[in-house]
PDB file of N, CA and C in Angstrom:
ATOM      1  N   ASP A   1       0.837  -1.178   0.000  1.00  0.00           N
ATOM      2  CA  ASP A   1       0.000   0.000   0.000  1.00  0.00           C
ATOM      3  C   ASP A   1       0.880   1.239   0.000  1.00  0.00           C
ATOM      4  N   PHE A   2       0.466   2.215  -0.777  1.00  0.00           N
ATOM      5  CA  PHE A   2       1.201   3.457  -0.871  1.00  0.00           C
ATOM      6  C   PHE A   2       0.249   4.640  -0.774  1.00  0.00           C
ATOM      7  N   ILE A   3       0.723   5.715  -0.234  1.00  0.00           N
ATOM      8  CA  ILE A   3      -0.011   6.978  -0.244  1.00  0.00           C
ATOM      9  C   ILE A   3       0.775   7.905  -1.143  1.00  0.00           C
ATOM     10  N   THR A   4       0.114   8.434  -2.130  1.00  0.00           N
ATOM     11  CA  THR A   4       0.763   9.336  -3.068  1.00  0.00           C
ATOM     12  C   THR A   4       0.077  10.678  -2.992  1.00  0.00           C
ATOM     13  N   SER A   5       0.847  11.715  -2.946  1.00  0.00           N
ATOM     14  CA  SER A   5       0.263  13.054  -2.965  1.00  0.00           C
ATOM     15  C   SER A   5       0.988  13.873  -4.013  1.00  0.00           C
ATOM     16  N   PHE A   6       0.305  14.859  -4.497  1.00  0.00           N
ATOM     17  CA  PHE A   6       0.874  15.764  -5.481  1.00  0.00           C
ATOM     18  C   PHE A   6       0.868  17.160  -4.897  1.00  0.00           C
ATOM     19  N   VAL A   7       2.007  17.815  -4.945  1.00  0.00           N
ATOM     20  CA  VAL A   7       2.110  19.185  -4.467  1.00  0.00           C
ATOM     21  C   VAL A   7       2.323  20.056  -5.694  1.00  0.00           C
ATOM     22  N   VAL A   8       1.495  21.077  -5.823  1.00  0.00           N
ATOM     23  CA  VAL A   8       1.557  21.960  -6.980  1.00  0.00           C
ATOM     24  C   VAL A   8       2.153  23.294  -6.560  1.00  0.00           C
ATOM     25  N   GLY A   9       3.184  23.713  -7.274  1.00  0.00           N
ATOM     26  CA  GLY A   9       3.779  25.016  -7.007  1.00  0.00           C
ATOM     27  C   GLY A   9       4.266  25.151  -5.586  1.00  0.00           C
ATOM     28  N   ASN A  10       3.792  26.177  -4.916  1.00  0.00           N
ATOM     29  CA  ASN A  10       4.217  26.463  -3.549  1.00  0.00           C
ATOM     30  C   ASN A  10       3.177  26.043  -2.520  1.00  0.00           C
ATOM     31  N   ASP A  11       2.342  25.070  -2.856  1.00  0.00           N
ATOM     32  CA  ASP A  11       1.328  24.613  -1.913  1.00  0.00           C
ATOM     33  C   ASP A  11       1.980  24.134  -0.633  1.00  0.00           C
ATOM     34  N   ILE A  12       1.444  24.563   0.489  1.00  0.00           N
ATOM     35  CA  ILE A  12       1.918  24.063   1.772  1.00  0.00           C
ATOM     36  C   ILE A  12       1.238  22.742   2.076  1.00  0.00           C
ATOM     37  N   ILE A  13      -0.035  22.634   1.732  1.00  0.00           N
ATOM     38  CA  ILE A  13      -0.807  21.419   1.986  1.00  0.00           C
ATOM     39  C   ILE A  13      -1.013  20.695   0.657  1.00  0.00           C
ATOM     40  N   PRO A  14      -0.546  19.457   0.557  1.00  0.00           N
ATOM     41  CA  PRO A  14      -0.745  18.710  -0.690  1.00  0.00           C
ATOM     42  C   PRO A  14      -2.234  18.539  -0.994  1.00  0.00           C
ATOM     43  N   ARG A  15      -2.545  18.445  -2.234  1.00  0.00           N
ATOM     44  CA  ARG A  15      -3.938  18.262  -2.639  1.00  0.00           C
ATOM     45  C   ARG A  15      -4.325  16.804  -2.429  1.00  0.00           C
ATOM     46  N   MET A  16      -5.345  16.598  -1.618  1.00  0.00           N
ATOM     47  CA  MET A  16      -5.827  15.250  -1.339  1.00  0.00           C
ATOM     48  C   MET A  16      -7.344  15.261  -1.400  1.00  0.00           C
ATOM     49  N   ARG A  17      -7.896  14.184  -1.889  1.00  0.00           N
ATOM     50  CA  ARG A  17      -9.352  14.040  -1.914  1.00  0.00           C
ATOM     51  C   ARG A  17      -9.825  13.577  -0.540  1.00  0.00           C
ATOM     52  N   GLY A  18     -11.088  13.831  -0.262  1.00  0.00           N
ATOM     53  CA  GLY A  18     -11.675  13.412   1.008  1.00  0.00           C
ATOM     54  C   GLY A  18     -11.574  11.918   1.232  1.00  0.00           C
ATOM     55  N   GLU A  19     -11.741  11.140   0.157  1.00  0.00           N
ATOM     56  CA  GLU A  19     -11.659   9.679   0.285  1.00  0.00           C
ATOM     57  C   GLU A  19     -10.263   9.245   0.727  1.00  0.00           C
ATOM     58  N   ASN A  20      -9.228   9.930   0.227  1.00  0.00           N
ATOM     59  CA  ASN A  20      -7.860   9.588   0.624  1.00  0.00           C
ATOM     60  C   ASN A  20      -7.619   9.882   2.097  1.00  0.00           C
ATOM     61  N   ILE A  21      -8.169  10.984   2.572  1.00  0.00           N
ATOM     62  CA  ILE A  21      -8.003  11.329   3.981  1.00  0.00           C
ATOM     63  C   ILE A  21      -8.739  10.324   4.863  1.00  0.00           C
ATOM     64  N   GLU A  22      -9.937   9.908   4.437  1.00  0.00           N
ATOM     65  CA  GLU A  22     -10.674   8.895   5.201  1.00  0.00           C
ATOM     66  C   GLU A  22      -9.912   7.579   5.236  1.00  0.00           C
ATOM     67  N   MET A  23      -9.309   7.198   4.098  1.00  0.00           N
ATOM     68  CA  MET A  23      -8.536   5.954   4.042  1.00  0.00           C
ATOM     69  C   MET A  23      -7.303   6.066   4.954  1.00  0.00           C
ATOM     70  N   LEU A  24      -6.640   7.209   4.935  1.00  0.00           N
ATOM     71  CA  LEU A  24      -5.482   7.417   5.796  1.00  0.00           C
ATOM     72  C   LEU A  24      -5.883   7.323   7.269  1.00  0.00           C
ATOM     73  N   ARG A  25      -7.020   7.915   7.625  1.00  0.00           N
ATOM     74  CA  ARG A  25      -7.511   7.863   9.010  1.00  0.00           C
ATOM     75  C   ARG A  25      -7.788   6.415   9.412  1.00  0.00           C
ATOM     76  N   TYR A  26      -8.487   5.660   8.546  1.00  0.00           N
ATOM     77  CA  TYR A  26      -8.796   4.273   8.877  1.00  0.00           C
ATOM     78  C   TYR A  26      -7.517   3.449   9.023  1.00  0.00           C
ATOM     79  N   GLU A  27      -6.556   3.642   8.115  1.00  0.00           N
ATOM     80  CA  GLU A  27      -5.315   2.874   8.193  1.00  0.00           C
ATOM     81  C   GLU A  27      -4.533   3.209   9.464  1.00  0.00           C
ATOM     82  N   PHE A  28      -4.555   4.469   9.878  1.00  0.00           N
ATOM     83  CA  PHE A  28      -3.893   4.846  11.123  1.00  0.00           C
ATOM     84  C   PHE A  28      -4.562   4.163  12.310  1.00  0.00           C
ATOM     85  N   LEU A  29      -5.889   4.188  12.339  1.00  0.00           N
ATOM     86  CA  LEU A  29      -6.621   3.540  13.437  1.00  0.00           C
ATOM     87  C   LEU A  29      -6.397   2.023  13.420  1.00  0.00           C
ATOM     88  N   GLU A  30      -6.274   1.441  12.223  1.00  0.00           N
ATOM     89  CA  GLU A  30      -6.002   0.003  12.124  1.00  0.00           C
ATOM     90  C   GLU A  30      -4.612  -0.318  12.667  1.00  0.00           C
ATOM     91  N   ILE A  31      -3.648   0.538  12.395  1.00  0.00           N
ATOM     92  CA  ILE A  31      -2.297   0.327  12.935  1.00  0.00           C
ATOM     93  C   ILE A  31      -2.349   0.272  14.457  1.00  0.00           C
ATOM     94  N   LEU A  32      -3.149   1.139  15.063  1.00  0.00           N
ATOM     95  CA  LEU A  32      -3.274   1.113  16.525  1.00  0.00           C
ATOM     96  C   LEU A  32      -3.818  -0.232  17.002  1.00  0.00           C
ATOM     97  N   ALA A  33      -4.714  -0.842  16.234  1.00  0.00           N
ATOM     98  CA  ALA A  33      -5.262  -2.147  16.602  1.00  0.00           C
ATOM     99  C   ALA A  33      -4.234  -3.253  16.396  1.00  0.00           C
ATOM    100  N   ARG A  34      -3.286  -3.050  15.494  1.00  0.00           N
ATOM    101  CA  ARG A  34      -2.299  -4.083  15.167  1.00  0.00           C
ATOM    102  C   ARG A  34      -1.078  -4.082  16.079  1.00  0.00           C
ATOM    103  N   VAL A  35      -0.876  -3.044  16.866  1.00  0.00           N
ATOM    104  CA  VAL A  35       0.339  -2.916  17.675  1.00  0.00           C
ATOM    105  C   VAL A  35       0.377  -4.004  18.751  1.00  0.00           C
ATOM    106  N   LYS A  36       1.508  -4.722  18.805  1.00  0.00           N
ATOM    107  CA  LYS A  36       1.712  -5.793  19.787  1.00  0.00           C
ATOM    108  C   LYS A  36       2.281  -5.256  21.098  1.00  0.00           C
ATOM    109  N   VAL A  37       3.042  -4.194  21.025  1.00  0.00           N
ATOM    110  CA  VAL A  37       3.719  -3.638  22.194  1.00  0.00           C
ATOM    111  C   VAL A  37       2.948  -2.400  22.665  1.00  0.00           C
ATOM    112  N   SER A  38       3.363  -1.831  23.770  1.00  0.00           N
ATOM    113  CA  SER A  38       2.686  -0.621  24.234  1.00  0.00           C
ATOM    114  C   SER A  38       2.841   0.477  23.186  1.00  0.00           C
ATOM    115  N   LYS A  39       1.889   1.375  23.163  1.00  0.00           N
ATOM    116  CA  LYS A  39       1.917   2.451  22.158  1.00  0.00           C
ATOM    117  C   LYS A  39       3.175   3.305  22.317  1.00  0.00           C
ATOM    118  N   ILE A  40       3.594   3.556  23.548  1.00  0.00           N
ATOM    119  CA  ILE A  40       4.787   4.371  23.761  1.00  0.00           C
ATOM    120  C   ILE A  40       6.033   3.644  23.271  1.00  0.00           C
ATOM    121  N   ALA A  41       6.091   2.322  23.446  1.00  0.00           N
ATOM    122  CA  ALA A  41       7.237   1.556  22.946  1.00  0.00           C
ATOM    123  C   ALA A  41       7.275   1.593  21.423  1.00  0.00           C
ATOM    124  N   ALA A  42       6.108   1.486  20.789  1.00  0.00           N
ATOM    125  CA  ALA A  42       6.050   1.561  19.323  1.00  0.00           C
ATOM    126  C   ALA A  42       6.473   2.940  18.845  1.00  0.00           C
ATOM    127  N   PHE A  43       6.013   3.986  19.538  1.00  0.00           N
ATOM    128  CA  PHE A  43       6.397   5.350  19.162  1.00  0.00           C
ATOM    129  C   PHE A  43       7.898   5.550  19.285  1.00  0.00           C
ATOM    130  N   ARG A  44       8.445   5.117  20.401  1.00  0.00           N
ATOM    131  CA  ARG A  44       9.895   5.278  20.601  1.00  0.00           C
ATOM    132  C   ARG A  44      10.684   4.524  19.539  1.00  0.00           C
ATOM    133  N   ASP A  45      10.232   3.322  19.200  1.00  0.00           N
ATOM    134  CA  ASP A  45      10.922   2.522  18.198  1.00  0.00           C
ATOM    135  C   ASP A  45      10.856   3.186  16.825  1.00  0.00           C
ATOM    136  N   SER A  46       9.727   3.816  16.514  1.00  0.00           N
ATOM    137  CA  SER A  46       9.565   4.415  15.185  1.00  0.00           C
ATOM    138  C   SER A  46      10.340   5.721  15.035  1.00  0.00           C
ATOM    139  N   ARG A  47      10.842   6.273  16.121  1.00  0.00           N
ATOM    140  CA  ARG A  47      11.603   7.525  16.046  1.00  0.00           C
ATOM    141  C   ARG A  47      13.006   7.324  15.498  1.00  0.00           C
ATOM    142  N   TYR A  48      13.494   6.098  15.509  1.00  0.00           N
ATOM    143  CA  TYR A  48      14.845   5.834  15.047  1.00  0.00           C
ATOM    144  C   TYR A  48      14.826   5.408  13.586  1.00  0.00           C
ATOM    145  N   PRO A  49      15.777   5.900  12.807  1.00  0.00           N
ATOM    146  CA  PRO A  49      15.813   5.515  11.390  1.00  0.00           C
ATOM    147  C   PRO A  49      15.971   4.010  11.235  1.00  0.00           C
ATOM    148  N   CYS A  50      15.405   3.508  10.177  1.00  0.00           N
ATOM    149  CA  CYS A  50      15.471   2.068   9.908  1.00  0.00           C
ATOM    150  C   CYS A  50      15.704   1.887   8.408  1.00  0.00           C
ATOM    151  N   ARG A  51      16.705   1.094   8.068  1.00  0.00           N
ATOM    152  CA  ARG A  51      16.957   0.813   6.649  1.00  0.00           C
ATOM    153  C   ARG A  51      15.799  -0.006   6.099  1.00  0.00           C
ATOM    154  N   ASN A  52      15.526   0.142   4.830  1.00  0.00           N
ATOM    155  CA  ASN A  52      14.409  -0.571   4.203  1.00  0.00           C
ATOM    156  C   ASN A  52      14.483  -2.074   4.430  1.00  0.00           C
ATOM    157  N   LYS A  53      15.679  -2.632   4.381  1.00  0.00           N
ATOM    158  CA  LYS A  53      15.794  -4.080   4.554  1.00  0.00           C
ATOM    159  C   LYS A  53      15.459  -4.516   5.985  1.00  0.00           C
ATOM    160  N   ASP A  54      15.570  -3.605   6.950  1.00  0.00           N
ATOM    161  CA  ASP A  54      15.249  -3.923   8.339  1.00  0.00           C
ATOM    162  C   ASP A  54      13.813  -3.576   8.716  1.00  0.00           C
ATOM    163  N   LEU A  55      13.135  -2.850   7.857  1.00  0.00           N
ATOM    164  CA  LEU A  55      11.792  -2.376   8.170  1.00  0.00           C
ATOM    165  C   LEU A  55      10.803  -3.523   8.364  1.00  0.00           C
ATOM    166  N   GLU A  56      10.873  -4.533   7.517  1.00  0.00           N
ATOM    167  CA  GLU A  56       9.953  -5.668   7.634  1.00  0.00           C
ATOM    168  C   GLU A  56      10.151  -6.411   8.956  1.00  0.00           C
ATOM    169  N   VAL A  57      11.388  -6.568   9.370  1.00  0.00           N
ATOM    170  CA  VAL A  57      11.690  -7.239  10.637  1.00  0.00           C
ATOM    171  C   VAL A  57      11.132  -6.423  11.800  1.00  0.00           C
ATOM    172  N   ARG A  58      11.349  -5.113  11.758  1.00  0.00           N
ATOM    173  CA  ARG A  58      10.847  -4.246  12.829  1.00  0.00           C
ATOM    174  C   ARG A  58       9.324  -4.286  12.884  1.00  0.00           C
ATOM    175  N   ASN A  59       8.678  -4.218  11.718  1.00  0.00           N
ATOM    176  CA  ASN A  59       7.220  -4.259  11.696  1.00  0.00           C
ATOM    177  C   ASN A  59       6.683  -5.576  12.243  1.00  0.00           C
ATOM    178  N   LYS A  60       7.327  -6.693  11.916  1.00  0.00           N
ATOM    179  CA  LYS A  60       6.886  -7.985  12.449  1.00  0.00           C
ATOM    180  C   LYS A  60       7.040  -8.042  13.963  1.00  0.00           C
ATOM    181  N   ARG A  61       8.039  -7.346  14.483  1.00  0.00           N
ATOM    182  CA  ARG A  61       8.273  -7.352  15.926  1.00  0.00           C
ATOM    183  C   ARG A  61       7.211  -6.542  16.671  1.00  0.00           C
ATOM    184  N   ILE A  62       6.737  -5.443  16.071  1.00  0.00           N
ATOM    185  CA  ILE A  62       5.822  -4.589  16.824  1.00  0.00           C
ATOM    186  C   ILE A  62       4.372  -4.635  16.340  1.00  0.00           C
ATOM    187  N   LEU A  63       4.109  -5.244  15.158  1.00  0.00           N
ATOM    188  CA  LEU A  63       2.746  -5.253  14.616  1.00  0.00           C
ATOM    189  C   LEU A  63       2.235  -6.667  14.369  1.00  0.00           C
ATOM    190  N   HIS A  64       0.946  -6.883  14.630  1.00  0.00           N
ATOM    191  CA  HIS A  64       0.285  -8.112  14.202  1.00  0.00           C
ATOM    192  C   HIS A  64       0.063  -8.012  12.695  1.00  0.00           C
ATOM    193  N   ALA A  65       0.022  -9.137  12.017  1.00  0.00           N
ATOM    194  CA  ALA A  65      -0.280  -9.145  10.585  1.00  0.00           C
ATOM    195  C   ALA A  65      -1.715  -8.663  10.378  1.00  0.00           C
ATOM    196  N   ARG A  66      -2.009  -8.124   9.206  1.00  0.00           N
ATOM    197  CA  ARG A  66      -3.370  -7.623   8.940  1.00  0.00           C
ATOM    198  C   ARG A  66      -4.417  -8.716   9.063  1.00  0.00           C
ATOM    199  N   ASN A  67      -4.054  -9.936   8.757  1.00  0.00           N
ATOM    200  CA  ASN A  67      -5.023 -11.030   8.838  1.00  0.00           C
ATOM    201  C   ASN A  67      -5.033 -11.695  10.216  1.00  0.00           C
ATOM    202  N   ALA A  68      -4.300 -11.110  11.177  1.00  0.00           N
ATOM    203  CA  ALA A  68      -4.236 -11.697  12.522  1.00  0.00           C
ATOM    204  C   ALA A  68      -4.435 -10.641  13.610  1.00  0.00           C
ATOM    205  N   ILE A  69      -5.242  -9.640  13.325  1.00  0.00           N
ATOM    206  CA  ILE A  69      -5.502  -8.597  14.315  1.00  0.00           C
ATOM    207  C   ILE A  69      -6.343  -9.192  15.439  1.00  0.00           C
ATOM    208  N   PRO A  70      -5.929  -9.001  16.691  1.00  0.00           N
ATOM    209  CA  PRO A  70      -6.699  -9.549  17.809  1.00  0.00           C
ATOM    210  C   PRO A  70      -8.127  -8.994  17.828  1.00  0.00           C
ATOM    211  N   ASP A  71      -9.058  -9.838  18.210  1.00  0.00           N
ATOM    212  CA  ASP A  71     -10.474  -9.472  18.217  1.00  0.00           C
ATOM    213  C   ASP A  71     -10.805  -8.756  19.532  1.00  0.00           C
ATOM    214  N   THR A  72     -10.370  -7.511  19.630  1.00  0.00           N
ATOM    215  CA  THR A  72     -10.595  -6.727  20.839  1.00  0.00           C
ATOM    216  C   THR A  72     -11.843  -5.865  20.670  1.00  0.00           C
ATOM    217  N   GLU A  73     -12.278  -5.274  21.766  1.00  0.00           N
ATOM    218  CA  GLU A  73     -13.418  -4.361  21.704  1.00  0.00           C
ATOM    219  C   GLU A  73     -13.097  -3.177  20.783  1.00  0.00           C
ATOM    220  N   TYR A  74     -11.858  -2.676  20.866  1.00  0.00           N
ATOM    221  CA  TYR A  74     -11.445  -1.568  20.003  1.00  0.00           C
ATOM    222  C   TYR A  74     -11.551  -1.960  18.536  1.00  0.00           C
ATOM    223  N   TYR A  75     -11.054  -3.152  18.192  1.00  0.00           N
ATOM    224  CA  TYR A  75     -11.087  -3.585  16.786  1.00  0.00           C
ATOM    225  C   TYR A  75     -12.527  -3.778  16.307  1.00  0.00           C
ATOM    226  N   GLN A  76     -13.393  -4.293  17.151  1.00  0.00           N
ATOM    227  CA  GLN A  76     -14.796  -4.453  16.767  1.00  0.00           C
ATOM    228  C   GLN A  76     -15.431  -3.095  16.464  1.00  0.00           C
ATOM    229  N   LYS A  77     -15.119  -2.092  17.273  1.00  0.00           N
ATOM    230  CA  LYS A  77     -15.635  -0.744  17.024  1.00  0.00           C
ATOM    231  C   LYS A  77     -15.056  -0.184  15.727  1.00  0.00           C
ATOM    232  N   LEU A  78     -13.807  -0.471  15.468  1.00  0.00           N
ATOM    233  CA  LEU A  78     -13.173  -0.002  14.243  1.00  0.00           C
ATOM    234  C   LEU A  78     -13.830  -0.626  13.015  1.00  0.00           C
ATOM    235  N   VAL A  79     -14.123  -1.912  13.090  1.00  0.00           N
ATOM    236  CA  VAL A  79     -14.764  -2.590  11.967  1.00  0.00           C
ATOM    237  C   VAL A  79     -16.166  -2.001  11.721  1.00  0.00           C
ATOM    238  N   SER A  80     -16.895  -1.746  12.791  1.00  0.00           N
ATOM    239  CA  SER A  80     -18.236  -1.169  12.625  1.00  0.00           C
ATOM    240  C   SER A  80     -18.158   0.286  12.166  1.00  0.00           C
ATOM    241  N   PHE A  81     -17.078   0.972  12.489  1.00  0.00           N
ATOM    242  CA  PHE A  81     -16.874   2.356  12.064  1.00  0.00           C
ATOM    243  C   PHE A  81     -16.720   2.453  10.563  1.00  0.00           C
ATOM    244  N   ARG A  82     -16.015   1.503  10.006  1.00  0.00           N
ATOM    245  CA  ARG A  82     -15.749   1.543   8.561  1.00  0.00           C
ATOM    246  C   ARG A  82     -17.004   1.220   7.825  1.00  0.00           C
TER     247      ARG A  82
END
């Protein structure tokens, strides 16, 4: 999955459609449901640069796979939200 934006001229805010912003919001909320470690530990870990080849290993360490998200109350609300 990729997010692509186009910036025209001196735009400070890239041009994005409402659907893209909604998708970005849902994906962010889904990431919160996928986190295996505490949110602060995930935040601290993400602050350090990571080479592309190490990114998959880091993600496996801190995130559940998309097809293995725990069935929590938060995730149920997220599914009904979408």
